[in-house]
Amino acid sequence: MISELIIGTLTILASTAVMIAFVLVTIRLVRRAEANYTDRRPGIWQFFRLLSSAVILVLLANTVCVWLWAILFHFLGVFPTLEEAVYFSMVSFTTVGYGDVVVEHSWRILSGFVSVNGLLAFGVFTAVLIEIIRGLSDRYIPRR
């Protein structure tokens, strides 16, 4: 049990570092793009491009986090195939938890860590996207 707690904590810390890196890249991308439009009022197309880019980065970050867990499960020998490890990680990360694939008794605490990590990631990325939308909407979407 102690080894699961240590491994789970270290993996959440690594995943959090990935999330922070993607948040910083996303914010930098948005600010750099905004600087390109300081001399004129940007339109709806620029807003769409920026928000689409931010959403793609968020999806990419979530994918990296899921793969981090999947590789860990596969490395530990919890699942016989990488596909099964990815599937379990994705289902657990999104907290859907179908239950058709489960970890063996000796590693089951890690599945809780995956879910906690997913909840944290979706909360952070939701906040980032809302802040981007809030910050850009006044500038990019003209009021009538």
Protein backbone atom coordinates (compact mmCIF):
# COMPACT_ATOMS: atom_id res chain seq x y z
CA MET A 1 0.00 0.00 0.00
CA ILE A 2 2.80 2.44 0.83
CA SER A 3 4.42 1.85 -2.55
CA GLU A 4 1.09 2.59 -4.28
CA LEU A 5 0.73 5.83 -2.37
CA ILE A 6 4.26 6.90 -3.26
CA ILE A 7 3.93 5.91 -6.93
CA GLY A 8 0.49 7.54 -7.19
CA THR A 9 1.68 10.76 -5.58
CA LEU A 10 4.75 10.98 -7.81
CA THR A 11 2.67 10.33 -10.92
CA ILE A 12 0.13 13.01 -9.97
CA LEU A 13 3.02 15.43 -9.43
CA ALA A 14 4.41 14.58 -12.87
CA SER A 15 0.98 14.98 -14.41
CA THR A 16 0.54 18.31 -12.65
CA ALA A 17 3.84 19.48 -14.12
CA VAL A 18 2.52 18.53 -17.56
CA MET A 19 -0.70 20.45 -16.90
CA ILE A 20 1.18 23.55 -15.73
CA ALA A 21 3.43 23.44 -18.78
CA PHE A 22 0.43 23.26 -21.11
CA VAL A 23 -1.33 26.09 -19.24
CA LEU A 24 1.75 28.28 -19.63
CA VAL A 25 2.07 27.43 -23.33
CA THR A 26 -1.62 28.17 -23.88
CA ILE A 27 -1.47 31.51 -22.09
CA ARG A 28 1.69 32.47 -23.97
CA LEU A 29 0.06 31.52 -27.28
CA VAL A 30 -3.00 33.66 -26.57
CA ARG A 31 -0.96 36.66 -25.41
CA ARG A 32 1.38 36.46 -28.40
CA ALA A 33 -1.56 36.27 -30.80
CA GLU A 34 -3.24 39.22 -29.09
CA ALA A 35 -0.08 41.29 -29.50
CA ASN A 36 -0.38 40.79 -33.27
CA TYR A 37 -3.74 42.57 -33.24
CA THR A 38 -2.91 45.62 -31.15
CA ASP A 39 -3.14 47.96 -34.13
CA ARG A 40 -6.60 46.83 -35.27
CA ARG A 41 -9.69 45.26 -33.79
CA PRO A 42 -9.56 41.51 -34.37
CA GLY A 43 -12.61 39.72 -35.66
CA ILE A 44 -14.53 36.61 -34.90
CA TRP A 45 -12.15 34.50 -37.04
CA GLN A 46 -9.18 35.37 -34.80
CA PHE A 47 -11.25 34.57 -31.71
CA PHE A 48 -12.20 31.20 -33.22
CA ARG A 49 -8.58 30.40 -34.09
CA LEU A 50 -7.29 31.29 -30.62
CA LEU A 51 -9.99 29.41 -28.77
CA SER A 52 -9.62 26.38 -31.06
CA SER A 53 -5.88 26.37 -30.45
CA ALA A 54 -6.43 26.53 -26.69
CA VAL A 55 -8.91 23.65 -26.80
CA ILE A 56 -6.51 21.54 -28.87
CA LEU A 57 -3.72 22.20 -26.37
CA VAL A 58 -6.02 21.20 -23.49
CA LEU A 59 -6.94 17.97 -25.28
CA LEU A 60 -3.28 17.29 -25.96
CA ALA A 61 -2.39 17.86 -22.30
CA ASN A 62 -5.13 15.47 -21.16
CA THR A 63 -3.88 12.90 -23.65
CA VAL A 64 -0.33 13.20 -22.34
CA CYS A 65 -1.59 12.72 -18.77
CA VAL A 66 -3.60 9.63 -19.75
CA TRP A 67 -0.55 8.18 -21.53
CA LEU A 68 1.59 8.89 -18.45
CA TRP A 69 -0.73 6.71 -16.35
CA ALA A 70 -1.02 4.07 -19.07
CA ILE A 71 2.74 3.74 -19.40
CA LEU A 72 3.03 3.45 -15.62
CA PHE A 73 0.40 0.69 -15.50
CA HIS A 74 2.05 -1.14 -18.37
CA PHE A 75 5.53 -0.76 -16.82
CA LEU A 76 4.26 -2.14 -13.51
CA GLY A 77 2.73 -5.11 -15.33
CA VAL A 78 -0.78 -4.28 -14.14
CA PHE A 79 -2.16 -4.87 -17.64
CA PRO A 80 -0.88 -7.35 -20.20
CA THR A 81 -1.19 -4.95 -23.16
CA LEU A 82 -0.54 -1.26 -23.64
CA GLU A 83 -3.98 -0.90 -25.27
CA GLU A 84 -5.65 -2.19 -22.12
CA ALA A 85 -3.56 0.16 -19.97
CA VAL A 86 -4.47 3.16 -22.16
CA TYR A 87 -8.15 2.21 -22.13
CA PHE A 88 -8.23 1.82 -18.35
CA SER A 89 -6.32 5.07 -17.83
CA MET A 90 -8.63 7.00 -20.13
CA VAL A 91 -11.80 5.61 -18.58
CA SER A 92 -10.49 6.24 -15.06
CA PHE A 93 -9.04 9.70 -15.86
CA THR A 94 -12.42 10.84 -17.13
CA THR A 95 -13.98 9.25 -14.02
CA VAL A 96 -16.40 7.24 -16.18
CA GLY A 97 -15.07 3.96 -14.78
CA TYR A 98 -17.04 1.40 -16.80
CA GLY A 99 -15.68 -1.47 -14.71
CA ASP A 100 -15.11 -3.77 -17.66
CA VAL A 101 -11.35 -3.54 -17.08
CA VAL A 102 -10.11 -3.43 -13.51
CA VAL A 103 -6.73 -3.51 -11.83
CA GLU A 104 -5.68 -6.40 -9.68
CA HIS A 105 -6.16 -6.08 -5.94
CA SER A 106 -2.53 -5.19 -5.21
CA TRP A 107 -2.67 -2.05 -7.43
CA ARG A 108 -6.27 -0.86 -6.99
CA ILE A 109 -5.37 2.26 -5.00
CA LEU A 110 -3.67 3.63 -8.12
CA SER A 111 -7.01 3.67 -9.96
CA GLY A 112 -8.27 6.18 -7.39
CA PHE A 113 -5.22 8.33 -8.03
CA VAL A 114 -6.00 8.34 -11.76
CA SER A 115 -9.54 9.59 -11.08
CA VAL A 116 -8.36 12.28 -8.68
CA ASN A 117 -5.81 13.38 -11.25
CA GLY A 118 -8.51 13.56 -13.93
CA LEU A 119 -10.80 15.64 -11.73
CA LEU A 120 -7.95 18.04 -11.00
CA ALA A 121 -6.98 18.27 -14.68
CA PHE A 122 -10.51 18.95 -15.90
CA GLY A 123 -10.97 21.59 -13.20
CA VAL A 124 -7.74 23.37 -14.09
CA PHE A 125 -8.36 23.24 -17.83
CA THR A 126 -11.98 24.36 -17.47
CA ALA A 127 -10.78 27.38 -15.50
CA VAL A 128 -8.15 28.15 -18.15
CA LEU A 129 -10.62 27.95 -21.01
CA ILE A 130 -13.19 30.07 -19.19
CA GLU A 131 -10.54 32.70 -18.45
CA ILE A 132 -9.46 32.71 -22.09
CA ILE A 133 -13.05 33.08 -23.26
CA ARG A 134 -13.72 35.82 -20.71
CA GLY A 135 -10.53 37.67 -21.55
CA LEU A 136 -10.93 37.48 -25.31
CA SER A 137 -14.68 37.87 -25.77
CA ASP A 138 -14.83 41.62 -25.09
CA ARG A 139 -11.97 42.26 -27.44
CA TYR A 140 -12.81 39.82 -30.23
CA ILE A 141 -16.59 39.73 -30.33
CA PRO A 142 -18.05 43.15 -31.10
CA ARG A 143 -21.07 44.27 -29.10
CA ARG A 144 -24.12 45.31 -31.07
